[in-house]
C-alpha atoms as a PDB file:
ATOM      1  CA  MET A   1      99.080 173.149  70.979  1.00  0.00           C
ATOM      2  CA  SER A   2      98.783 170.709  73.949  1.00  0.00           C
ATOM      3  CA  HIS A   3     101.478 167.654  73.595  1.00  0.00           C
ATOM      4  CA  VAL A   4      98.780 165.122  72.743  1.00  0.00           C
ATOM      5  CA  GLU A   5      97.968 166.840  69.557  1.00  0.00           C
ATOM      6  CA  ALA A   6     101.813 166.779  68.847  1.00  0.00           C
ATOM      7  CA  GLY A   7     102.006 163.300  69.145  1.00  0.00           C
ATOM      8  CA  TYR A   8     103.954 163.354  72.304  1.00  0.00           C
ATOM      9  CA  GLY A   9     101.274 161.612  74.412  1.00  0.00           C
ATOM     10  CA  ALA A  10      99.831 159.493  71.975  1.00  0.00           C
ATOM     11  CA  PRO A  11     100.765 154.976  71.934  1.00  0.00           C
ATOM     12  CA  ALA A  12     102.473 154.593  68.873  1.00  0.00           C
ATOM     13  CA  PRO A  13     100.211 153.297  65.883  1.00  0.00           C
ATOM     14  CA  VAL A  14     100.496 149.224  65.481  1.00  0.00           C
ATOM     15  CA  VAL A  15     101.307 147.923  62.762  1.00  0.00           C
ATOM     16  CA  ILE A  16     100.669 144.582  61.772  1.00  0.00           C
ATOM     17  CA  VAL A  17     102.413 142.943  59.012  1.00  0.00           C
ATOM     18  CA  HIS A  18     101.644 139.558  57.078  1.00  0.00           C
ATOM     19  CA  THR A  19     104.190 138.324  55.279  1.00  0.00           C
ATOM     20  CA  GLN A  20     102.308 135.428  53.168  1.00  0.00           C
ATOM     21  CA  THR A  21     104.920 132.627  51.974  1.00  0.00           C
ATOM     22  CA  THR A  22     105.241 132.866  47.940  1.00  0.00           C
ATOM     23  CA  LYS A  23     105.377 130.020  45.895  1.00  0.00           C
ATOM     24  CA  GLU A  24     108.846 131.351  44.375  1.00  0.00           C
ATOM     25  CA  ASP A  25     109.886 130.621  48.232  1.00  0.00           C
ATOM     26  CA  ASP A  26     108.893 127.037  48.537  1.00  0.00           C
ATOM     27  CA  LEU A  27     111.467 124.754  48.849  1.00  0.00           C
ATOM     28  CA  ALA A  28     109.604 121.617  49.325  1.00  0.00           C
ATOM     29  CA  GLY A  29     109.558 120.368  45.725  1.00  0.00           C
ATOM     30  CA  PRO A  30     112.810 120.665  45.213  1.00  0.00           C
ATOM     31  CA  ILE A  31     114.253 118.967  48.170  1.00  0.00           C
ATOM     32  CA  VAL A  32     111.845 116.008  47.685  1.00  0.00           C
ATOM     33  CA  VAL A  33     113.293 115.578  44.622  1.00  0.00           C
ATOM     34  CA  PHE A  34     116.696 115.808  45.755  1.00  0.00           C
ATOM     35  CA  ILE A  35     116.394 113.186  48.388  1.00  0.00           C
ATOM     36  CA  LEU A  36     114.395 111.010  46.889  1.00  0.00           C
ATOM     37  CA  GLY A  37     116.661 110.847  44.056  1.00  0.00           C
ATOM     38  CA  PHE A  38     119.188 109.084  46.235  1.00  0.00           C
ATOM     39  CA  PHE A  39     116.225 106.221  46.555  1.00  0.00           C
ATOM     40  CA  VAL A  40     114.340 106.601  43.050  1.00  0.00           C
ATOM     41  CA  TRP A  41     117.039 108.177  40.999  1.00  0.00           C
ATOM     42  CA  CYS A  42     115.026 108.727  37.703  1.00  0.00           C
ATOM     43  CA  VAL A  43     113.047 111.890  40.202  1.00  0.00           C
ATOM     44  CA  TRP A  44     116.283 113.386  39.556  1.00  0.00           C
ATOM     45  CA  LEU A  45     115.532 114.220  36.357  1.00  0.00           C
ATOM     46  CA  ALA A  46     112.387 116.553  37.522  1.00  0.00           C
ATOM     47  CA  GLY A  47     114.854 119.204  38.542  1.00  0.00           C
ATOM     48  CA  PHE A  48     114.943 120.520  35.423  1.00  0.00           C
ATOM     49  CA  ALA A  49     111.844 122.760  36.949  1.00  0.00           C
ATOM     50  CA  TRP A  50     114.251 124.572  38.447  1.00  0.00           C
ATOM     51  CA  ILE A  51     117.206 125.486  36.354  1.00  0.00           C
ATOM     52  CA  LYS A  52     116.158 128.934  35.832  1.00  0.00           C
ATOM     53  CA  SER A  53     114.336 129.813  38.971  1.00  0.00           C
ATOM     54  CA  SER A  54     115.317 132.881  40.524  1.00  0.00           C
ATOM     55  CA  ASN A  55     115.932 131.160  44.083  1.00  0.00           C
ATOM     56  CA  SER A  56     119.180 130.525  44.510  1.00  0.00           C
ATOM     57  CA  THR A  57     118.695 127.438  46.712  1.00  0.00           C
ATOM     58  CA  LYS A  58     116.176 125.905  44.561  1.00  0.00           C
ATOM     59  CA  ARG A  59     118.462 126.439  41.430  1.00  0.00           C
ATOM     60  CA  VAL A  60     121.246 124.835  42.417  1.00  0.00           C
ATOM     61  CA  LEU A  61     119.454 121.892  44.354  1.00  0.00           C
ATOM     62  CA  GLY A  62     117.521 121.554  40.542  1.00  0.00           C
ATOM     63  CA  ILE A  63     121.388 121.808  39.193  1.00  0.00           C
ATOM     64  CA  LEU A  64     122.435 119.416  41.417  1.00  0.00           C
ATOM     65  CA  SER A  65     119.390 116.493  40.676  1.00  0.00           C
ATOM     66  CA  VAL A  66     119.669 117.160  36.923  1.00  0.00           C
ATOM     67  CA  VAL A  67     123.973 116.606  37.252  1.00  0.00           C
ATOM     68  CA  PHE A  68     123.204 113.501  40.307  1.00  0.00           C
ATOM     69  CA  PHE A  69     120.766 111.883  36.971  1.00  0.00           C
ATOM     70  CA  PHE A  70     123.486 112.175  34.196  1.00  0.00           C
ATOM     71  CA  VAL A  71     126.250 110.737  36.962  1.00  0.00           C
ATOM     72  CA  TYR A  72     123.916 107.425  37.719  1.00  0.00           C
ATOM     73  CA  LEU A  73     123.049 107.370  34.422  1.00  0.00           C
ATOM     74  CA  VAL A  74     126.706 107.191  33.235  1.00  0.00           C
ATOM     75  CA  ILE A  75     127.981 104.841  36.262  1.00  0.00           C
ATOM     76  CA  LEU A  76     124.399 102.935  35.641  1.00  0.00           C
ATOM     77  CA  VAL A  77     125.443 102.286  31.425  1.00  0.00           C
ATOM     78  CA  VAL A  78     129.113 101.519  32.875  1.00  0.00           C
ATOM     79  CA  VAL A  79     128.188  98.844  35.150  1.00  0.00           C
ATOM     80  CA  ILE A  80     125.653  97.434  32.779  1.00  0.00           C
ATOM     81  CA  ALA A  81     128.361  96.508  30.359  1.00  0.00           C
ATOM     82  CA  VAL A  82     130.526  95.183  32.670  1.00  0.00           C
ATOM     83  CA  VAL A  83     128.091  92.724  33.963  1.00  0.00           C
ATOM     84  CA  VAL A  84     126.883  92.013  30.293  1.00  0.00           C
ATOM     85  CA  SER A  85     130.505  91.420  28.775  1.00  0.00           C
ATOM     86  CA  THR A  86     131.923  89.512  32.158  1.00  0.00           C
ATOM     87  CA  ALA A  87     128.794  86.968  31.335  1.00  0.00           C
ATOM     88  CA  ALA A  88     129.333  86.704  28.089  1.00  0.00           C
ATOM     89  CA  ALA A  89     132.911  85.679  28.570  1.00  0.00           C
ATOM     90  CA  ALA A  90     132.318  83.584  31.147  1.00  0.00           C
ATOM     91  CA  ALA A  91     129.456  81.259  28.796  1.00  0.00           C
ATOM     92  CA  LYS A  92     131.921  81.703  25.753  1.00  0.00           C
ATOM     93  CA  ALA A  93     134.429  79.495  28.546  1.00  0.00           C
ATOM     94  CA  ALA A  94     131.733  77.874  29.637  1.00  0.00           C
ATOM     95  CA  ARG A  95     131.061  76.436  26.100  1.00  0.00           C
ATOM     96  CA  GLU A  96     134.448  75.904  25.350  1.00  0.00           C
ATOM     97  CA  GLY A  97     135.068  73.812  28.175  1.00  0.00           C
ATOM     98  CA  ASN A  98     137.427  76.179  30.182  1.00  0.00           C
ATOM     99  CA  TYR A  99     136.078  75.898  33.703  1.00  0.00           C
ATOM    100  CA  TYR A 100     138.826  78.014  34.951  1.00  0.00           C
ATOM    101  CA  TYR A 101     137.989  81.579  33.394  1.00  0.00           C
ATOM    102  CA  THR A 102     140.609  83.620  33.283  1.00  0.00           C
ATOM    103  CA  THR A 103     141.602  87.618  32.464  1.00  0.00           C
ATOM    104  CA  GLY A 104     143.877  87.042  30.155  1.00  0.00           C
ATOM    105  CA  TYR A 105     146.985  87.498  33.268  1.00  0.00           C
END
């Protein structure tokens, strides 16, 4: 048996491995939703699509998007309540002729 037959002098075979990004590895969707949510807050609700993802990064971005949606919603409700109650108190003071509205202090 010669060295070439035994594989000692033959060149190593070239193996080309082509990896394809699967849909599960694509992070573009959750990242776009997370970032776009800072400009249009209702977009964060789309994070529900990735809450049960097997990819941990997509799952974290999905959870954060949903949490940010509800935090913003609570802040929005509080701000609207404060604005409405302040406007109502100011309108009442104006109707009663008390132009120097005070908060009771």
